[in-house]
Amino acid sequence: MQWQWNKGCTVFGMTEEQFSEFFSTYGVGALILFMVFIIGNLAWQSKAGKFGTFVLFLGLAVGFLGFIAKYVIQWYLENHM
């Protein structure tokens, strides 16, 4: 028996589309902030120095810029096409 998704079904008062959009935006943003804490703690505990800390945060920043670029590109395509 296959599971059927009821189109009128809500999760926490939101539709599935609203729920996934909310957590793909704010959930990923919260994870990025948590990763800033993790990488900062890693750099401090390993005594990475200025350059090592810069490289660690540079890797996180590239991922963060990719996350932001997705929304900028999506906004541009929705409003200018």
C-alpha atoms as a PDB file:
ATOM      1  CA  MET A   1       0.000   0.000   0.000  1.00  0.00           C
ATOM      2  CA  GLN A   2       1.392   3.376  -0.989  1.00  0.00           C
ATOM      3  CA  TRP A   3       1.226   6.378   1.257  1.00  0.00           C
ATOM      4  CA  GLN A   4      -0.973   9.156  -0.141  1.00  0.00           C
ATOM      5  CA  TRP A   5      -0.311  12.839   0.512  1.00  0.00           C
ATOM      6  CA  ASN A   6      -3.505  14.738   1.212  1.00  0.00           C
ATOM      7  CA  LYS A   7      -3.331  18.072  -0.626  1.00  0.00           C
ATOM      8  CA  GLY A   8      -5.268  19.836   2.138  1.00  0.00           C
ATOM      9  CA  CYS A   9      -3.024  18.460   4.867  1.00  0.00           C
ATOM     10  CA  THR A  10      -1.030  20.904   6.955  1.00  0.00           C
ATOM     11  CA  VAL A  11       2.020  20.566   9.184  1.00  0.00           C
ATOM     12  CA  PHE A  12       2.097  23.009  12.119  1.00  0.00           C
ATOM     13  CA  GLY A  13      -0.590  25.051  10.340  1.00  0.00           C
ATOM     14  CA  MET A  14       1.446  25.361   7.113  1.00  0.00           C
ATOM     15  CA  THR A  15       1.128  23.578   3.807  1.00  0.00           C
ATOM     16  CA  GLU A  16       3.970  21.313   2.722  1.00  0.00           C
ATOM     17  CA  GLU A  17       5.263  23.993   0.340  1.00  0.00           C
ATOM     18  CA  GLN A  18       5.273  26.689   3.034  1.00  0.00           C
ATOM     19  CA  PHE A  19       6.876  24.303   5.527  1.00  0.00           C
ATOM     20  CA  SER A  20       9.707  23.306   3.180  1.00  0.00           C
ATOM     21  CA  GLU A  21      10.337  26.907   2.088  1.00  0.00           C
ATOM     22  CA  PHE A  22      10.468  28.112   5.697  1.00  0.00           C
ATOM     23  CA  PHE A  23      12.960  25.471   6.802  1.00  0.00           C
ATOM     24  CA  SER A  24      15.062  25.657   3.654  1.00  0.00           C
ATOM     25  CA  THR A  25      15.499  29.371   4.350  1.00  0.00           C
ATOM     26  CA  TYR A  26      15.627  29.725   8.130  1.00  0.00           C
ATOM     27  CA  GLY A  27      16.734  26.183   8.934  1.00  0.00           C
ATOM     28  CA  VAL A  28      19.762  26.377   6.660  1.00  0.00           C
ATOM     29  CA  GLY A  29      20.496  29.888   7.931  1.00  0.00           C
ATOM     30  CA  ALA A  30      20.446  28.597  11.509  1.00  0.00           C
ATOM     31  CA  LEU A  31      22.781  25.757  10.541  1.00  0.00           C
ATOM     32  CA  ILE A  32      25.196  28.266   8.971  1.00  0.00           C
ATOM     33  CA  LEU A  33      25.244  30.276  12.206  1.00  0.00           C
ATOM     34  CA  PHE A  34      25.854  27.070  14.156  1.00  0.00           C
ATOM     35  CA  MET A  35      28.721  26.207  11.784  1.00  0.00           C
ATOM     36  CA  VAL A  36      30.263  29.649  12.465  1.00  0.00           C
ATOM     37  CA  PHE A  37      30.326  28.726  16.149  1.00  0.00           C
ATOM     38  CA  ILE A  38      31.740  25.254  15.424  1.00  0.00           C
ATOM     39  CA  ILE A  39      34.499  26.551  13.132  1.00  0.00           C
ATOM     40  CA  GLY A  40      35.384  29.355  15.542  1.00  0.00           C
ATOM     41  CA  ASN A  41      35.635  26.855  18.381  1.00  0.00           C
ATOM     42  CA  LEU A  42      37.680  24.493  16.190  1.00  0.00           C
ATOM     43  CA  ALA A  43      40.092  27.277  15.256  1.00  0.00           C
ATOM     44  CA  TRP A  44      40.446  28.328  18.900  1.00  0.00           C
ATOM     45  CA  GLN A  45      41.001  24.814  20.273  1.00  0.00           C
ATOM     46  CA  SER A  46      43.476  23.844  17.557  1.00  0.00           C
ATOM     47  CA  LYS A  47      45.375  27.140  17.927  1.00  0.00           C
ATOM     48  CA  ALA A  48      45.146  27.578  14.172  1.00  0.00           C
ATOM     49  CA  GLY A  49      46.524  31.103  14.193  1.00  0.00           C
ATOM     50  CA  LYS A  50      45.343  33.989  12.074  1.00  0.00           C
ATOM     51  CA  PHE A  51      45.950  32.383   8.689  1.00  0.00           C
ATOM     52  CA  GLY A  52      44.467  29.024   9.680  1.00  0.00           C
ATOM     53  CA  THR A  53      41.380  30.694  11.095  1.00  0.00           C
ATOM     54  CA  PHE A  54      41.065  32.770   7.925  1.00  0.00           C
ATOM     55  CA  VAL A  55      41.199  29.643   5.750  1.00  0.00           C
ATOM     56  CA  LEU A  56      38.589  27.877   7.885  1.00  0.00           C
ATOM     57  CA  PHE A  57      36.202  30.810   7.709  1.00  0.00           C
ATOM     58  CA  LEU A  58      36.925  31.316   3.999  1.00  0.00           C
ATOM     59  CA  GLY A  59      35.640  27.806   3.315  1.00  0.00           C
ATOM     60  CA  LEU A  60      32.486  28.540   5.278  1.00  0.00           C
ATOM     61  CA  ALA A  61      32.057  31.903   3.518  1.00  0.00           C
ATOM     62  CA  VAL A  62      32.177  30.288   0.067  1.00  0.00           C
ATOM     63  CA  GLY A  63      29.343  27.969   1.068  1.00  0.00           C
ATOM     64  CA  PHE A  64      27.430  30.856   2.576  1.00  0.00           C
ATOM     65  CA  LEU A  65      27.817  32.925  -0.596  1.00  0.00           C
ATOM     66  CA  GLY A  66      26.443  30.015  -2.605  1.00  0.00           C
ATOM     67  CA  PHE A  67      23.405  29.942  -0.316  1.00  0.00           C
ATOM     68  CA  ILE A  68      22.847  33.692  -0.774  1.00  0.00           C
ATOM     69  CA  ALA A  69      23.475  33.510  -4.545  1.00  0.00           C
ATOM     70  CA  LYS A  70      20.664  30.980  -4.905  1.00  0.00           C
ATOM     71  CA  TYR A  71      18.139  33.475  -3.547  1.00  0.00           C
ATOM     72  CA  VAL A  72      19.544  36.399  -5.549  1.00  0.00           C
ATOM     73  CA  ILE A  73      19.385  34.392  -8.785  1.00  0.00           C
ATOM     74  CA  GLN A  74      15.895  33.129  -7.938  1.00  0.00           C
ATOM     75  CA  TRP A  75      14.686  36.679  -7.222  1.00  0.00           C
ATOM     76  CA  TYR A  76      16.227  37.970 -10.449  1.00  0.00           C
ATOM     77  CA  LEU A  77      14.619  35.246 -12.569  1.00  0.00           C
ATOM     78  CA  GLU A  78      11.202  35.770 -10.968  1.00  0.00           C
ATOM     79  CA  ASN A  79      11.230  39.567 -11.358  1.00  0.00           C
ATOM     80  CA  HIS A  80      13.064  40.102 -14.648  1.00  0.00           C
ATOM     81  CA  MET A  81      11.936  37.263 -16.862  1.00  0.00           C
END
